[in-house]
C-alpha atoms as a PDB file:
ATOM      1  CA  MET A   1      13.791   3.728 -10.129  1.00  0.00           C
ATOM      2  CA  HIS A   2      17.185   2.430  -9.085  1.00  0.00           C
ATOM      3  CA  VAL A   3      17.493  -1.124 -10.240  1.00  0.00           C
ATOM      4  CA  PHE A   4      18.944  -3.392  -7.604  1.00  0.00           C
ATOM      5  CA  THR A   5      20.540  -6.736  -8.324  1.00  0.00           C
ATOM      6  CA  GLU A   6      18.789  -9.771  -6.923  1.00  0.00           C
ATOM      7  CA  ASN A   7      21.521 -10.070  -4.279  1.00  0.00           C
ATOM      8  CA  GLU A   8      20.715  -6.580  -2.968  1.00  0.00           C
ATOM      9  CA  ILE A   9      16.977  -7.016  -2.393  1.00  0.00           C
ATOM     10  CA  GLU A  10      14.596  -9.090  -0.346  1.00  0.00           C
ATOM     11  CA  TYR A  11      10.834  -9.448  -0.107  1.00  0.00           C
ATOM     12  CA  ALA A  12       9.209  -7.060   2.350  1.00  0.00           C
ATOM     13  CA  GLY A  13       7.369  -8.816   5.146  1.00  0.00           C
ATOM     14  CA  PHE A  14       4.034  -8.339   6.825  1.00  0.00           C
ATOM     15  CA  TRP A  15       4.880  -5.933   9.664  1.00  0.00           C
ATOM     16  CA  ILE A  16       6.886  -3.396   7.653  1.00  0.00           C
ATOM     17  CA  ARG A  17       4.029  -3.305   5.152  1.00  0.00           C
ATOM     18  CA  VAL A  18       1.578  -2.710   8.000  1.00  0.00           C
ATOM     19  CA  GLY A  19       3.802   0.188   9.085  1.00  0.00           C
ATOM     20  CA  ALA A  20       3.694   1.666   5.585  1.00  0.00           C
ATOM     21  CA  THR A  21      -0.102   1.372   5.567  1.00  0.00           C
ATOM     22  CA  ILE A  22      -0.325   3.175   8.903  1.00  0.00           C
ATOM     23  CA  ILE A  23       1.857   6.014   7.570  1.00  0.00           C
ATOM     24  CA  ASP A  24      -0.280   6.249   4.419  1.00  0.00           C
ATOM     25  CA  THR A  25      -3.493   6.280   6.453  1.00  0.00           C
ATOM     26  CA  ILE A  26      -2.255   9.057   8.748  1.00  0.00           C
ATOM     27  CA  LEU A  27      -1.134  11.177   5.778  1.00  0.00           C
ATOM     28  CA  PHE A  28      -4.431  10.597   3.981  1.00  0.00           C
ATOM     29  CA  LEU A  29      -6.459  11.581   7.049  1.00  0.00           C
ATOM     30  CA  MET A  30      -4.331  14.693   7.606  1.00  0.00           C
ATOM     31  CA  ILE A  31      -5.275  15.829   4.102  1.00  0.00           C
ATOM     32  CA  THR A  32      -8.921  14.816   3.882  1.00  0.00           C
ATOM     33  CA  LEU A  33     -10.399  15.181   7.374  1.00  0.00           C
ATOM     34  CA  PRO A  34      -9.897  18.959   7.651  1.00  0.00           C
ATOM     35  CA  ILE A  35     -11.486  19.446   4.238  1.00  0.00           C
ATOM     36  CA  LEU A  36     -14.418  17.170   5.051  1.00  0.00           C
ATOM     37  CA  PHE A  37     -14.903  18.907   8.409  1.00  0.00           C
ATOM     38  CA  TRP A  38     -14.841  22.301   6.692  1.00  0.00           C
ATOM     39  CA  LEU A  39     -17.415  21.145   4.130  1.00  0.00           C
ATOM     40  CA  TYR A  40     -19.745  19.101   6.338  1.00  0.00           C
ATOM     41  CA  GLY A  41     -19.006  20.178   9.918  1.00  0.00           C
ATOM     42  CA  ASP A  42     -19.558  17.894  12.904  1.00  0.00           C
ATOM     43  CA  ASN A  43     -22.356  16.120  11.071  1.00  0.00           C
ATOM     44  CA  TYR A  44     -19.796  14.328   8.937  1.00  0.00           C
ATOM     45  CA  PHE A  45     -18.456  12.413  11.927  1.00  0.00           C
ATOM     46  CA  ASN A  46     -21.882  11.662  13.419  1.00  0.00           C
ATOM     47  CA  SER A  47     -23.604  10.404  10.269  1.00  0.00           C
ATOM     48  CA  ASP A  48     -24.345   6.780   9.455  1.00  0.00           C
ATOM     49  CA  GLU A  49     -24.390   7.471   5.701  1.00  0.00           C
ATOM     50  CA  LEU A  50     -21.700   5.779   3.633  1.00  0.00           C
ATOM     51  CA  VAL A  51     -21.312   8.816   1.360  1.00  0.00           C
ATOM     52  CA  GLN A  52     -22.489  12.258   2.445  1.00  0.00           C
ATOM     53  CA  GLY A  53     -22.141  14.122  -0.818  1.00  0.00           C
ATOM     54  CA  LYS A  54     -20.097  14.639  -3.956  1.00  0.00           C
ATOM     55  CA  ALA A  55     -17.090  16.025  -2.104  1.00  0.00           C
ATOM     56  CA  ASP A  56     -17.130  13.055   0.268  1.00  0.00           C
ATOM     57  CA  LEU A  57     -17.337  10.651  -2.675  1.00  0.00           C
ATOM     58  CA  ILE A  58     -14.357  12.311  -4.341  1.00  0.00           C
ATOM     59  CA  LEU A  59     -12.187  12.728  -1.224  1.00  0.00           C
ATOM     60  CA  SER A  60     -12.989   9.474   0.567  1.00  0.00           C
ATOM     61  CA  TRP A  61     -13.404   7.044  -2.315  1.00  0.00           C
ATOM     62  CA  ILE A  62     -12.014   8.283  -5.639  1.00  0.00           C
ATOM     63  CA  PHE A  63      -8.968  10.230  -4.361  1.00  0.00           C
ATOM     64  CA  PRO A  64      -7.458   7.207  -2.530  1.00  0.00           C
ATOM     65  CA  ILE A  65      -7.831   4.954  -5.569  1.00  0.00           C
ATOM     66  CA  VAL A  66      -6.400   7.420  -8.077  1.00  0.00           C
ATOM     67  CA  GLY A  67      -3.665   8.659  -5.740  1.00  0.00           C
ATOM     68  CA  THR A  68      -2.491   5.169  -4.839  1.00  0.00           C
ATOM     69  CA  VAL A  69      -2.408   4.036  -8.463  1.00  0.00           C
ATOM     70  CA  ILE A  70      -0.495   7.168  -9.514  1.00  0.00           C
ATOM     71  CA  PHE A  71       2.102   6.566  -6.792  1.00  0.00           C
ATOM     72  CA  TRP A  72       2.461   2.870  -7.673  1.00  0.00           C
ATOM     73  CA  VAL A  73       2.893   3.602 -11.390  1.00  0.00           C
ATOM     74  CA  SER A  74       5.163   6.651 -11.071  1.00  0.00           C
ATOM     75  CA  ARG A  75       7.173   5.948  -7.903  1.00  0.00           C
ATOM     76  CA  ALA A  76       6.663   2.192  -7.354  1.00  0.00           C
ATOM     77  CA  ALA A  77       5.447   2.994  -3.840  1.00  0.00           C
ATOM     78  CA  THR A  78       2.992   4.999  -1.788  1.00  0.00           C
ATOM     79  CA  PRO A  79       4.454   7.652   0.548  1.00  0.00           C
ATOM     80  CA  GLY A  80       4.463   5.192   3.464  1.00  0.00           C
ATOM     81  CA  LYS A  81       6.341   2.608   1.436  1.00  0.00           C
ATOM     82  CA  LEU A  82       8.786   5.263   0.198  1.00  0.00           C
ATOM     83  CA  VAL A  83       9.563   6.317   3.783  1.00  0.00           C
ATOM     84  CA  LEU A  84      10.277   2.696   4.729  1.00  0.00           C
ATOM     85  CA  GLY A  85      12.299   1.936   1.585  1.00  0.00           C
ATOM     86  CA  LEU A  86       9.777  -0.441   0.026  1.00  0.00           C
ATOM     87  CA  ARG A  87       8.882  -0.767  -3.644  1.00  0.00           C
ATOM     88  CA  VAL A  88       5.917  -2.451  -5.360  1.00  0.00           C
ATOM     89  CA  VAL A  89       7.176  -4.019  -8.570  1.00  0.00           C
ATOM     90  CA  ASP A  90       6.101  -6.448 -11.245  1.00  0.00           C
ATOM     91  CA  ALA A  91       6.779  -9.983  -9.974  1.00  0.00           C
ATOM     92  CA  TYR A  92       8.171 -11.155 -13.304  1.00  0.00           C
ATOM     93  CA  SER A  93      10.325  -8.271 -14.531  1.00  0.00           C
ATOM     94  CA  GLY A  94      11.026  -6.271 -11.358  1.00  0.00           C
ATOM     95  CA  GLY A  95       9.891  -3.155 -13.231  1.00  0.00           C
ATOM     96  CA  TYR A  96       7.247  -0.543 -12.615  1.00  0.00           C
ATOM     97  CA  LEU A  97       3.593  -1.526 -12.587  1.00  0.00           C
ATOM     98  CA  THR A  98       1.400  -0.682 -15.527  1.00  0.00           C
ATOM     99  CA  ALA A  99      -1.743   1.356 -14.820  1.00  0.00           C
ATOM    100  CA  PRO A 100      -4.058  -1.644 -15.406  1.00  0.00           C
ATOM    101  CA  GLN A 101      -1.867  -3.781 -13.145  1.00  0.00           C
ATOM    102  CA  ALA A 102      -1.948  -1.098 -10.430  1.00  0.00           C
ATOM    103  CA  PHE A 103      -5.748  -0.738 -10.637  1.00  0.00           C
ATOM    104  CA  GLY A 104      -6.026  -4.532 -10.524  1.00  0.00           C
ATOM    105  CA  ARG A 105      -3.821  -4.671  -7.435  1.00  0.00           C
ATOM    106  CA  TYR A 106      -5.904  -1.995  -5.715  1.00  0.00           C
ATOM    107  CA  PHE A 107      -9.199  -3.760  -6.340  1.00  0.00           C
ATOM    108  CA  ALA A 108      -7.678  -7.170  -5.533  1.00  0.00           C
ATOM    109  CA  TYR A 109      -7.569  -6.014  -1.906  1.00  0.00           C
ATOM    110  CA  LEU A 110     -11.325  -6.748  -1.786  1.00  0.00           C
ATOM    111  CA  PRO A 111     -11.070 -10.541  -2.151  1.00  0.00           C
ATOM    112  CA  ALA A 112      -7.937 -10.495   0.011  1.00  0.00           C
ATOM    113  CA  MET A 113      -9.900  -8.898   2.863  1.00  0.00           C
ATOM    114  CA  LEU A 114     -13.203 -10.755   2.588  1.00  0.00           C
ATOM    115  CA  PRO A 115     -12.377 -13.980   4.399  1.00  0.00           C
ATOM    116  CA  LEU A 116     -11.276 -12.344   7.683  1.00  0.00           C
ATOM    117  CA  CYS A 117      -8.330 -10.609   5.940  1.00  0.00           C
ATOM    118  CA  LEU A 118      -6.744 -13.999   5.285  1.00  0.00           C
ATOM    119  CA  GLY A 119      -5.385 -12.753   1.959  1.00  0.00           C
ATOM    120  CA  LEU A 120      -3.470 -10.002   3.768  1.00  0.00           C
ATOM    121  CA  PHE A 121      -2.180 -12.258   6.547  1.00  0.00           C
ATOM    122  CA  TRP A 122      -0.982 -14.570   3.770  1.00  0.00           C
ATOM    123  CA  ILE A 123       2.002 -12.218   3.413  1.00  0.00           C
ATOM    124  CA  GLY A 124       3.374 -13.655   6.652  1.00  0.00           C
ATOM    125  CA  TRP A 125       3.293 -17.257   5.380  1.00  0.00           C
ATOM    126  CA  ASP A 126       4.157 -16.895   1.687  1.00  0.00           C
ATOM    127  CA  SER A 127       7.725 -17.549   0.514  1.00  0.00           C
ATOM    128  CA  LYS A 128       7.659 -14.384  -1.626  1.00  0.00           C
ATOM    129  CA  LYS A 129       5.712 -12.422   1.021  1.00  0.00           C
ATOM    130  CA  GLN A 130       2.822 -12.008  -1.443  1.00  0.00           C
ATOM    131  CA  GLY A 131      -0.699 -11.316  -0.289  1.00  0.00           C
ATOM    132  CA  TRP A 132      -3.566 -12.482  -2.449  1.00  0.00           C
ATOM    133  CA  HIS A 133      -3.743  -9.001  -3.994  1.00  0.00           C
ATOM    134  CA  ASP A 134      -0.083  -9.360  -5.036  1.00  0.00           C
ATOM    135  CA  LYS A 135      -0.661 -12.808  -6.492  1.00  0.00           C
ATOM    136  CA  LEU A 136      -3.731 -11.653  -8.440  1.00  0.00           C
ATOM    137  CA  ALA A 137      -1.911  -8.587  -9.822  1.00  0.00           C
ATOM    138  CA  GLY A 138       1.465 -10.257 -10.383  1.00  0.00           C
ATOM    139  CA  THR A 139       3.345  -7.984  -7.964  1.00  0.00           C
ATOM    140  CA  VAL A 140       5.843  -8.268  -5.130  1.00  0.00           C
ATOM    141  CA  VAL A 141       6.935  -5.755  -2.523  1.00  0.00           C
ATOM    142  CA  ILE A 142      10.704  -5.533  -2.155  1.00  0.00           C
ATOM    143  CA  ARG A 143      13.258  -3.633  -0.161  1.00  0.00           C
ATOM    144  CA  LYS A 144      16.995  -3.327  -0.058  1.00  0.00           C
ATOM    145  CA  LYS A 145      18.449  -6.123   2.036  1.00  0.00           C
ATOM    146  CA  VAL A 146      18.996  -5.277   5.642  1.00  0.00           C
ATOM    147  CA  HIS A 147      22.594  -6.151   6.372  1.00  0.00           C
ATOM    148  CA  THR A 148      23.270  -6.844   9.980  1.00  0.00           C
ATOM    149  CA  GLU A 149      26.566  -7.219  11.662  1.00  0.00           C
ATOM    150  CA  LYS A 150      27.239 -10.126  13.914  1.00  0.00           C
ATOM    151  CA  VAL A 151      27.126  -9.282  17.575  1.00  0.00           C
ATOM    152  CA  LYS A 152      30.536  -9.561  19.225  1.00  0.00           C
ATOM    153  CA  PHE A 153      30.982  -9.557  22.946  1.00  0.00           C
ATOM    154  CA  SER A 154      34.467  -8.837  24.241  1.00  0.00           C
END
């Protein structure tokens, strides 16, 4: 990972992180839904069951956890965050996450979402743009500073 100086980076805010999540969700669905449809047919989409079989368990539950952790540990970002120039880093060193830290961050989304997603909305109010999952895992999401030119009217 390219190491930026503190003057070159800023904390990534709520809306750009929502955008990254939307990109990740679309990519994930593009991969898994055709496979699940092929395996289970229309019944997959009409069922009330939480898990419809081993393949569903692997593709819908285990694959997202393992894939996300692998991306966080190896690339410091999921594909959506990579596209938008975001990086998930250790809040104290600025370095890559460890595997336990990445798993902890993933599962820390649960308490962040329980009280009406307050822990996720917290990103918008926090000075370091940390959600509760970031605080629990000791992470921050950063991006290269967006330099804007002053508007000049002639």
